[in-house]
Amino acid sequence: MDSRLRSVGVLLAGGVGQRVGRDTPKQLIEVAGRTILEHSLAVFDAAPEIDEIVVLMTPGYGDRVREIVERGGYRKVTAIVDGGASRTESTWRALQALGDEECNVLLHDAVRPLLEPRIITECVKALETSRAVDVAIPSSDTVLVAVPGPGGEVIGDVLDRAWLRRSQTPQCFRLSVIREAYERALADPGFAGRPATDDCGVVLRYLPDVPIRLVEGSERNIKVTHPDDLRVAELLLRLSAEGPGAGG
C-alpha cells in the first residue's frame, strides 16, 4: 500500500494582469501556441509526483478554464475555484477546497509557465522531511536599501549578496501548516493592513518555529508581469519545444 501523502498542485490564476496591458487576464494570453495557464497546467499534469490539481481562476472565466482542461485532457484537475480579491483570499479559498485530509500543497503562480519538472520533483522530495519549502535562486544583482535623502533617495545600506535569494514558486507546505498559518493571519486584525506578499511570508510571520527549507529554482522560471515578459516567455517556450540545445 502506498503510504505517501497525496500531493496537490494549486495554480493561482486569479489575477487580472493589468500591468501586462491587456483586457484579457494574462494567464489566458496565448504564448507559443498555448495560453500561459495551459503551459503551467501541462507541467503539473505531467509530473508523476502530482496527484491532483486545483485551479484558482479570475471570477467569470471558469468556463474558459474548463474548456482548456477538457480539450487538453488534463485529468488531474479536480476543482476550478473562483479566486478572491487578493492573493491571500485566493490562497485561502484553495485551502478550503482541499478538504481536511493531510496532503502536500504546492502553490504555484500560474503565470510562471516555464517551471521545470525537476523543481516539482525536488519540492515533493523535500516535503518528505520538511513541512514548508520555498523555491529560490541567488541574486545576481547587488541589492541596495534606499532611504530618504537630500534631493531624493540615497543608498542607506548595501546588503551581502551571498545571503540573498529571489523567491519563486511553487511554495510548498503540509496542508495543516499552511492552513494554520492562514487561520492565525485572518484572525489578526493587523494582517489586512500589512499583508504578507506571499505564502511563505504568512508562515514566517505566524508560525516562526516552522523552518522553511529552500529548493533551488531556475532563472527560466520567470513570472509574466510586464509586456516584455511575454516576449521573453515566447522565446524560451519555443526554444524548449525545439528540444535540448536549441538556439545554442
Foldseek 3Di string as FASTA:
>chain_A
DDPAFAEEEEAEAADQQVQAPDRHRQQQDDFQHGRLLLLQLVLLLPQPRHQAYEYAYHPPCQVVVVVSCVVVVSVRYDYYHHADPDPLRRVLVVLVVVDDDKHKYFYAHSQQSPFDSVQVVVVSVVVVPAFKEWEKAQDPDWDFDWDADVPGIDTPDTDDSVPDIDTHGRIMGTSVQLNVLSVVLVVDPCCVVPPDPDSVSSSCVRVVVGDYHYDYGDPSRDGPRYNVVSVVVNVVVVQVVVHPPRPD
